Amino acid sequence: LVASDVGGHKELIRHGETGMLFKAGSKDA
């Protein structure tokens, strides 16, 4: 999964370990 880095996601998803986070609101990210 990929998910935006909003607070609700960051509480659940460990970037690079359980999923990938990207900058919220950025289509390029």
Full PDB file with SEQRES, HELIX, SHEET, SSBOND, CRYST1, ORIGX, SCALE, CONECT and MASTER records, all heavy atoms in Angstrom:
SEQRES   1 A   29  LEU VAL ALA SER ASP VAL GLY GLY HIS LYS GLU LEU ILE          
SEQRES   2 A   29  ARG HIS GLY GLU THR GLY MET LEU PHE LYS ALA GLY SER          
SEQRES   3 A   29  LYS ASP ALA                                                  
HELIX    1 AA1 GLY A    7  LYS A   10  1                                   4    
SHEET    1 AA1 2 VAL A   2  SER A   4  0                                        
SHEET    2 AA1 2 MET A  20  PHE A  22  1                                        
CRYST1    1.000    1.000    1.000  90.00  90.00  90.00 P 1           1          
ORIGX1      1.000000  0.000000  0.000000        0.00000                         
ORIGX2      0.000000  1.000000  0.000000        0.00000                         
ORIGX3      0.000000  0.000000  1.000000        0.00000                         
SCALE1      1.000000  0.000000  0.000000        0.00000                         
SCALE2      0.000000  1.000000  0.000000        0.00000                         
SCALE3      0.000000  0.000000  1.000000        0.00000                         
ATOM      1  N   LEU A   1       0.807  -1.211   0.000  1.00  0.00           N  
ATOM      2  CA  LEU A   1       0.000   0.000   0.000  1.00  0.00           C  
ATOM      3  C   LEU A   1       0.844   1.266   0.000  1.00  0.00           C  
ATOM      4  O   LEU A   1       1.979   1.285   0.484  1.00  0.00           O  
ATOM      5  CB  LEU A   1      -0.958   0.003   1.192  1.00  0.00           C  
ATOM      6  CG  LEU A   1      -0.370  -0.053   2.610  1.00  0.00           C  
ATOM      7  CD1 LEU A   1      -0.142   1.347   3.162  1.00  0.00           C  
ATOM      8  CD2 LEU A   1      -1.279  -0.836   3.545  1.00  0.00           C  
ATOM      9  N   VAL A   2       0.256   2.321  -0.571  1.00  0.00           N  
ATOM     10  CA  VAL A   2       0.795   3.674  -0.479  1.00  0.00           C  
ATOM     11  C   VAL A   2      -0.273   4.528   0.195  1.00  0.00           C  
ATOM     12  O   VAL A   2      -1.469   4.319  -0.029  1.00  0.00           O  
ATOM     13  CB  VAL A   2       1.174   4.267  -1.850  1.00  0.00           C  
ATOM     14  CG1 VAL A   2       2.293   3.489  -2.491  1.00  0.00           C  
ATOM     15  CG2 VAL A   2      -0.031   4.345  -2.775  1.00  0.00           C  
ATOM     16  N   ALA A   3       0.151   5.485   1.010  1.00  0.00           N  
ATOM     17  CA  ALA A   3      -0.798   6.322   1.739  1.00  0.00           C  
ATOM     18  C   ALA A   3      -0.208   7.696   1.971  1.00  0.00           C  
ATOM     19  O   ALA A   3       1.014   7.848   2.127  1.00  0.00           O  
ATOM     20  CB  ALA A   3      -1.158   5.667   3.080  1.00  0.00           C  
ATOM     21  N   SER A   4      -1.067   8.694   2.009  1.00  0.00           N  
ATOM     22  CA  SER A   4      -0.610  10.045   2.306  1.00  0.00           C  
ATOM     23  C   SER A   4      -0.159  10.133   3.759  1.00  0.00           C  
ATOM     24  O   SER A   4      -0.590   9.351   4.608  1.00  0.00           O  
ATOM     25  CB  SER A   4      -1.732  11.052   2.039  1.00  0.00           C  
ATOM     26  OG  SER A   4      -2.876  10.740   2.820  1.00  0.00           O  
ATOM     27  N   ASP A   5       0.709  11.098   4.034  1.00  0.00           N  
ATOM     28  CA  ASP A   5       1.298  11.183   5.375  1.00  0.00           C  
ATOM     29  C   ASP A   5       0.465  12.019   6.341  1.00  0.00           C  
ATOM     30  O   ASP A   5       1.008  12.787   7.148  1.00  0.00           O  
ATOM     31  CB  ASP A   5       2.733  11.716   5.296  1.00  0.00           C  
ATOM     32  CG  ASP A   5       2.815  13.139   4.747  1.00  0.00           C  
ATOM     33  OD1 ASP A   5       1.784  13.673   4.275  1.00  0.00           O  
ATOM     34  OD2 ASP A   5       3.920  13.723   4.769  1.00  0.00           O  
ATOM     35  N   VAL A   6      -0.863  11.865   6.285  1.00  0.00           N  
ATOM     36  CA  VAL A   6      -1.714  12.528   7.279  1.00  0.00           C  
ATOM     37  C   VAL A   6      -1.529  11.820   8.622  1.00  0.00           C  
ATOM     38  O   VAL A   6      -1.082  10.673   8.688  1.00  0.00           O  
ATOM     39  CB  VAL A   6      -3.198  12.515   6.841  1.00  0.00           C  
ATOM     40  CG1 VAL A   6      -3.394  13.343   5.579  1.00  0.00           C  
ATOM     41  CG2 VAL A   6      -3.714  11.088   6.631  1.00  0.00           C  
ATOM     42  N   GLY A   7      -1.908  12.516   9.690  1.00  0.00           N  
ATOM     43  CA  GLY A   7      -1.674  11.984  11.032  1.00  0.00           C  
ATOM     44  C   GLY A   7      -2.304  10.634  11.279  1.00  0.00           C  
ATOM     45  O   GLY A   7      -1.710   9.759  11.927  1.00  0.00           O  
ATOM     46  N   GLY A   8      -3.531  10.436  10.768  1.00  0.00           N  
ATOM     47  CA  GLY A   8      -4.201   9.154  10.965  1.00  0.00           C  
ATOM     48  C   GLY A   8      -3.462   7.995  10.338  1.00  0.00           C  
ATOM     49  O   GLY A   8      -3.469   6.879  10.865  1.00  0.00           O  
ATOM     50  N   HIS A   9      -2.794   8.242   9.201  1.00  0.00           N  
ATOM     51  CA  HIS A   9      -2.002   7.189   8.555  1.00  0.00           C  
ATOM     52  C   HIS A   9      -0.672   6.967   9.267  1.00  0.00           C  
ATOM     53  O   HIS A   9      -0.221   5.821   9.424  1.00  0.00           O  
ATOM     54  CB  HIS A   9      -1.737   7.551   7.093  1.00  0.00           C  
ATOM     55  CG  HIS A   9      -2.919   7.352   6.194  1.00  0.00           C  
ATOM     56  ND1 HIS A   9      -3.086   8.035   5.006  1.00  0.00           N  
ATOM     57  CD2 HIS A   9      -4.010   6.535   6.308  1.00  0.00           C  
ATOM     58  CE1 HIS A   9      -4.217   7.647   4.435  1.00  0.00           C  
ATOM     59  NE2 HIS A   9      -4.786   6.751   5.205  1.00  0.00           N  
ATOM     60  N   LYS A  10      -0.045   8.051   9.693  1.00  0.00           N  
ATOM     61  CA  LYS A  10       1.266   7.910  10.342  1.00  0.00           C  
ATOM     62  C   LYS A  10       1.176   7.150  11.653  1.00  0.00           C  
ATOM     63  O   LYS A  10       2.164   6.547  12.093  1.00  0.00           O  
ATOM     64  CB  LYS A  10       1.896   9.293  10.554  1.00  0.00           C  
ATOM     65  CG  LYS A  10       2.359   9.949   9.265  1.00  0.00           C  
ATOM     66  CD  LYS A  10       3.279  11.129   9.496  1.00  0.00           C  
ATOM     67  CE  LYS A  10       2.551  12.314  10.072  1.00  0.00           C  
ATOM     68  NZ  LYS A  10       3.431  13.508  10.148  1.00  0.00           N  
ATOM     69  N   GLU A  11      -0.009   7.160  12.273  1.00  0.00           N  
ATOM     70  CA  GLU A  11      -0.193   6.400  13.507  1.00  0.00           C  
ATOM     71  C   GLU A  11      -0.256   4.896  13.234  1.00  0.00           C  
ATOM     72  O   GLU A  11      -0.035   4.089  14.134  1.00  0.00           O  
ATOM     73  CB  GLU A  11      -1.477   6.872  14.208  1.00  0.00           C  
ATOM     74  CG  GLU A  11      -1.581   6.445  15.656  1.00  0.00           C  
ATOM     75  CD  GLU A  11      -2.732   7.111  16.397  1.00  0.00           C  
ATOM     76  OE1 GLU A  11      -2.967   8.319  16.188  1.00  0.00           O  
ATOM     77  OE2 GLU A  11      -3.402   6.411  17.170  1.00  0.00           O  
ATOM     78  N   LEU A  12      -0.542   4.527  11.971  1.00  0.00           N  
ATOM     79  CA  LEU A  12      -0.711   3.116  11.617  1.00  0.00           C  
ATOM     80  C   LEU A  12       0.425   2.549  10.781  1.00  0.00           C  
ATOM     81  O   LEU A  12       0.781   1.379  10.929  1.00  0.00           O  
ATOM     82  CB  LEU A  12      -2.007   2.932  10.807  1.00  0.00           C  
ATOM     83  CG  LEU A  12      -3.338   3.257  11.464  1.00  0.00           C  
ATOM     84  CD1 LEU A  12      -4.459   3.053  10.451  1.00  0.00           C  
ATOM     85  CD2 LEU A  12      -3.553   2.391  12.692  1.00  0.00           C  
ATOM     86  N   ILE A  13       0.966   3.358   9.867  1.00  0.00           N  
ATOM     87  CA  ILE A  13       1.866   2.848   8.824  1.00  0.00           C  
ATOM     88  C   ILE A  13       3.296   3.292   9.091  1.00  0.00           C  
ATOM     89  O   ILE A  13       3.566   4.490   9.248  1.00  0.00           O  
ATOM     90  CB  ILE A  13       1.409   3.346   7.433  1.00  0.00           C  
ATOM     91  CG1 ILE A  13      -0.026   2.868   7.154  1.00  0.00           C  
ATOM     92  CG2 ILE A  13       2.365   2.856   6.341  1.00  0.00           C  
ATOM     93  CD1 ILE A  13      -0.702   3.612   6.023  1.00  0.00           C  
ATOM     94  N   ARG A  14       4.200   2.337   9.134  1.00  0.00           N  
ATOM     95  CA  ARG A  14       5.624   2.645   9.309  1.00  0.00           C  
ATOM     96  C   ARG A  14       6.263   2.721   7.929  1.00  0.00           C  
ATOM     97  O   ARG A  14       6.383   1.711   7.237  1.00  0.00           O  
ATOM     98  CB  ARG A  14       6.277   1.566  10.172  1.00  0.00           C  
ATOM     99  CG  ARG A  14       5.705   1.529  11.588  1.00  0.00           C  
ATOM    100  CD  ARG A  14       6.085   0.271  12.341  1.00  0.00           C  
ATOM    101  NE  ARG A  14       5.477   0.255  13.669  1.00  0.00           N  
ATOM    102  CZ  ARG A  14       5.395  -0.822  14.441  1.00  0.00           C  
ATOM    103  NH1 ARG A  14       5.887  -1.986  14.019  1.00  0.00           N  
ATOM    104  NH2 ARG A  14       4.827  -0.748  15.636  1.00  0.00           N  
ATOM    105  N   HIS A  15       6.655   3.940   7.563  1.00  0.00           N  
ATOM    106  CA  HIS A  15       7.141   4.187   6.207  1.00  0.00           C  
ATOM    107  C   HIS A  15       8.333   3.294   5.869  1.00  0.00           C  
ATOM    108  O   HIS A  15       9.307   3.204   6.618  1.00  0.00           O  
ATOM    109  CB  HIS A  15       7.541   5.658   6.062  1.00  0.00           C  
ATOM    110  CG  HIS A  15       8.095   5.998   4.713  1.00  0.00           C  
ATOM    111  ND1 HIS A  15       7.355   5.904   3.558  1.00  0.00           N  
ATOM    112  CD2 HIS A  15       9.333   6.411   4.331  1.00  0.00           C  
ATOM    113  CE1 HIS A  15       8.098   6.254   2.526  1.00  0.00           C  
ATOM    114  NE2 HIS A  15       9.301   6.563   2.973  1.00  0.00           N  
ATOM    115  N   GLY A  16       8.211   2.618   4.734  1.00  0.00           N  
ATOM    116  CA  GLY A  16       9.288   1.759   4.277  1.00  0.00           C  
ATOM    117  C   GLY A  16       9.327   0.407   4.946  1.00  0.00           C  
ATOM    118  O   GLY A  16      10.123  -0.453   4.556  1.00  0.00           O  
ATOM    119  N   GLU A  17       8.470   0.198   5.950  1.00  0.00           N  
ATOM    120  CA  GLU A  17       8.448  -1.083   6.671  1.00  0.00           C  
ATOM    121  C   GLU A  17       7.137  -1.826   6.448  1.00  0.00           C  
ATOM    122  O   GLU A  17       7.135  -2.992   6.050  1.00  0.00           O  
ATOM    123  CB  GLU A  17       8.670  -0.853   8.166  1.00  0.00           C  
ATOM    124  CG  GLU A  17       8.687  -2.139   8.973  1.00  0.00           C  
ATOM    125  CD  GLU A  17       8.857  -1.891  10.457  1.00  0.00           C  
ATOM    126  OE1 GLU A  17       9.270  -0.772  10.845  1.00  0.00           O  
ATOM    127  OE2 GLU A  17       8.567  -2.821  11.246  1.00  0.00           O  
ATOM    128  N   THR A  18       6.008  -1.130   6.702  1.00  0.00           N  
ATOM    129  CA  THR A  18       4.704  -1.777   6.501  1.00  0.00           C  
ATOM    130  C   THR A  18       3.938  -1.163   5.330  1.00  0.00           C  
ATOM    131  O   THR A  18       2.862  -1.644   4.976  1.00  0.00           O  
ATOM    132  CB  THR A  18       3.841  -1.681   7.768  1.00  0.00           C  
ATOM    133  OG1 THR A  18       3.612  -0.293   8.077  1.00  0.00           O  
ATOM    134  CG2 THR A  18       4.532  -2.350   8.946  1.00  0.00           C  
ATOM    135  N   GLY A  19       4.472  -0.107   4.764  1.00  0.00           N  
ATOM    136  CA  GLY A  19       3.839   0.569   3.637  1.00  0.00           C  
ATOM    137  C   GLY A  19       4.671   1.779   3.263  1.00  0.00           C  
ATOM    138  O   GLY A  19       5.705   2.051   3.884  1.00  0.00           O  
ATOM    139  N   MET A  20       4.204   2.518   2.258  1.00  0.00           N  
ATOM    140  CA  MET A  20       4.933   3.705   1.810  1.00  0.00           C  
ATOM    141  C   MET A  20       4.057   4.932   1.990  1.00  0.00           C  
ATOM    142  O   MET A  20       2.894   4.955   1.560  1.00  0.00           O  
ATOM    143  CB  MET A  20       5.341   3.566   0.339  1.00  0.00           C  
ATOM    144  CG  MET A  20       6.179   2.325   0.039  1.00  0.00           C  
ATOM    145  SD  MET A  20       7.730   2.251   0.963  1.00  0.00           S  
ATOM    146  CE  MET A  20       8.615   3.611   0.165  1.00  0.00           C  
ATOM    147  N   LEU A  21       4.615   5.958   2.627  1.00  0.00           N  
ATOM    148  CA  LEU A  21       3.914   7.222   2.820  1.00  0.00           C  
ATOM    149  C   LEU A  21       4.423   8.253   1.821  1.00  0.00           C  
ATOM    150  O   LEU A  21       5.591   8.236   1.443  1.00  0.00           O  
ATOM    151  CB  LEU A  21       4.126   7.739   4.247  1.00  0.00           C  
ATOM    152  CG  LEU A  21       3.567   6.867   5.381  1.00  0.00           C  
ATOM    153  CD1 LEU A  21       4.033   7.399   6.732  1.00  0.00           C  
ATOM    154  CD2 LEU A  21       2.040   6.828   5.324  1.00  0.00           C  
ATOM    155  N   PHE A  22       3.541   9.153   1.410  1.00  0.00           N  
ATOM    156  CA  PHE A  22       3.939  10.249   0.525  1.00  0.00           C  
ATOM    157  C   PHE A  22       3.316  11.544   1.037  1.00  0.00           C  
ATOM    158  O   PHE A  22       2.361  11.520   1.815  1.00  0.00           O  
ATOM    159  CB  PHE A  22       3.505   9.986  -0.922  1.00  0.00           C  
ATOM    160  CG  PHE A  22       2.013   9.966  -1.122  1.00  0.00           C  
ATOM    161  CD1 PHE A  22       1.319  11.125  -1.423  1.00  0.00           C  
ATOM    162  CD2 PHE A  22       1.291   8.784  -0.991  1.00  0.00           C  
ATOM    163  CE1 PHE A  22      -0.059  11.119  -1.582  1.00  0.00           C  
ATOM    164  CE2 PHE A  22      -0.084   8.762  -1.154  1.00  0.00           C  
ATOM    165  CZ  PHE A  22      -0.763   9.932  -1.456  1.00  0.00           C  
ATOM    166  N   LYS A  23       3.843  12.671   0.605  1.00  0.00           N  
ATOM    167  CA  LYS A  23       3.383  13.974   1.081  1.00  0.00           C  
ATOM    168  C   LYS A  23       1.933  14.197   0.666  1.00  0.00           C  
ATOM    169  O   LYS A  23       1.594  14.171  -0.519  1.00  0.00           O  
ATOM    170  CB  LYS A  23       4.263  15.091   0.531  1.00  0.00           C  
ATOM    171  CG  LYS A  23       3.874  16.480   1.038  1.00  0.00           C  
ATOM    172  CD  LYS A  23       4.862  17.529   0.583  1.00  0.00           C  
ATOM    173  CE  LYS A  23       4.425  18.922   1.027  1.00  0.00           C  
ATOM    174  NZ  LYS A  23       4.227  19.005   2.493  1.00  0.00           N  
ATOM    175  N   ALA A  24       1.071  14.412   1.646  1.00  0.00           N  
ATOM    176  CA  ALA A  24      -0.348  14.621   1.381  1.00  0.00           C  
ATOM    177  C   ALA A  24      -0.557  15.806   0.445  1.00  0.00           C  
ATOM    178  O   ALA A  24       0.091  16.846   0.573  1.00  0.00           O  
ATOM    179  CB  ALA A  24      -1.104  14.852   2.694  1.00  0.00           C  
ATOM    180  N   GLY A  25      -1.454  15.634  -0.508  1.00  0.00           N  
ATOM    181  CA  GLY A  25      -1.800  16.707  -1.422  1.00  0.00           C  
ATOM    182  C   GLY A  25      -0.893  16.851  -2.622  1.00  0.00           C  
ATOM    183  O   GLY A  25      -1.156  17.669  -3.508  1.00  0.00           O  
ATOM    184  N   SER A  26       0.184  16.068  -2.691  1.00  0.00           N  
ATOM    185  CA  SER A  26       1.144  16.181  -3.789  1.00  0.00           C  
ATOM    186  C   SER A  26       0.947  15.053  -4.798  1.00  0.00           C  
ATOM    187  O   SER A  26       1.249  13.891  -4.515  1.00  0.00           O  
ATOM    188  CB  SER A  26       2.578  16.149  -3.256  1.00  0.00           C  
ATOM    189  OG  SER A  26       3.509  16.051  -4.320  1.00  0.00           O  
ATOM    190  N   LYS A  27       0.462  15.408  -5.989  1.00  0.00           N  
ATOM    191  CA  LYS A  27       0.285  14.378  -7.023  1.00  0.00           C  
ATOM    192  C   LYS A  27       1.632  13.833  -7.490  1.00  0.00           C  
ATOM    193  O   LYS A  27       1.740  12.644  -7.836  1.00  0.00           O  
ATOM    194  CB  LYS A  27      -0.498  14.941  -8.205  1.00  0.00           C  
ATOM    195  CG  LYS A  27       0.200  16.032  -8.993  1.00  0.00           C  
ATOM    196  CD  LYS A  27      -0.635  16.490 -10.170  1.00  0.00           C  
ATOM    197  CE  LYS A  27       0.102  17.543 -11.006  1.00  0.00           C  
ATOM    198  NZ  LYS A  27      -0.710  17.998 -12.157  1.00  0.00           N  
ATOM    199  N   ASP A  28       2.662  14.678  -7.467  1.00  0.00           N  
ATOM    200  CA  ASP A  28       3.986  14.217  -7.889  1.00  0.00           C  
ATOM    201  C   ASP A  28       4.554  13.206  -6.895  1.00  0.00           C  
ATOM    202  O   ASP A  28       5.157  12.204  -7.291  1.00  0.00           O  
ATOM    203  CB  ASP A  28       4.936  15.405  -8.037  1.00  0.00           C  
ATOM    204  CG  ASP A  28       4.545  16.328  -9.186  1.00  0.00           C  
ATOM    205  OD1 ASP A  28       3.884  15.855 -10.126  1.00  0.00           O  
ATOM    206  OD2 ASP A  28       4.881  17.525  -9.123  1.00  0.00           O  
ATOM    207  N   ALA A  29       4.357  13.484  -5.591  1.00  0.00           N  
ATOM    208  CA  ALA A  29       4.850  12.555  -4.570  1.00  0.00           C  
ATOM    209  C   ALA A  29       4.110  11.227  -4.644  1.00  0.00           C  
ATOM    210  O   ALA A  29       4.701  10.159  -4.465  1.00  0.00           O  
ATOM    211  CB  ALA A  29       4.701  13.178  -3.184  1.00  0.00           C  
TER     212      ALA A  29                                                      
MASTER        0    0    0    1    2    0    0    6  211    1    0    3          
END                                                                             
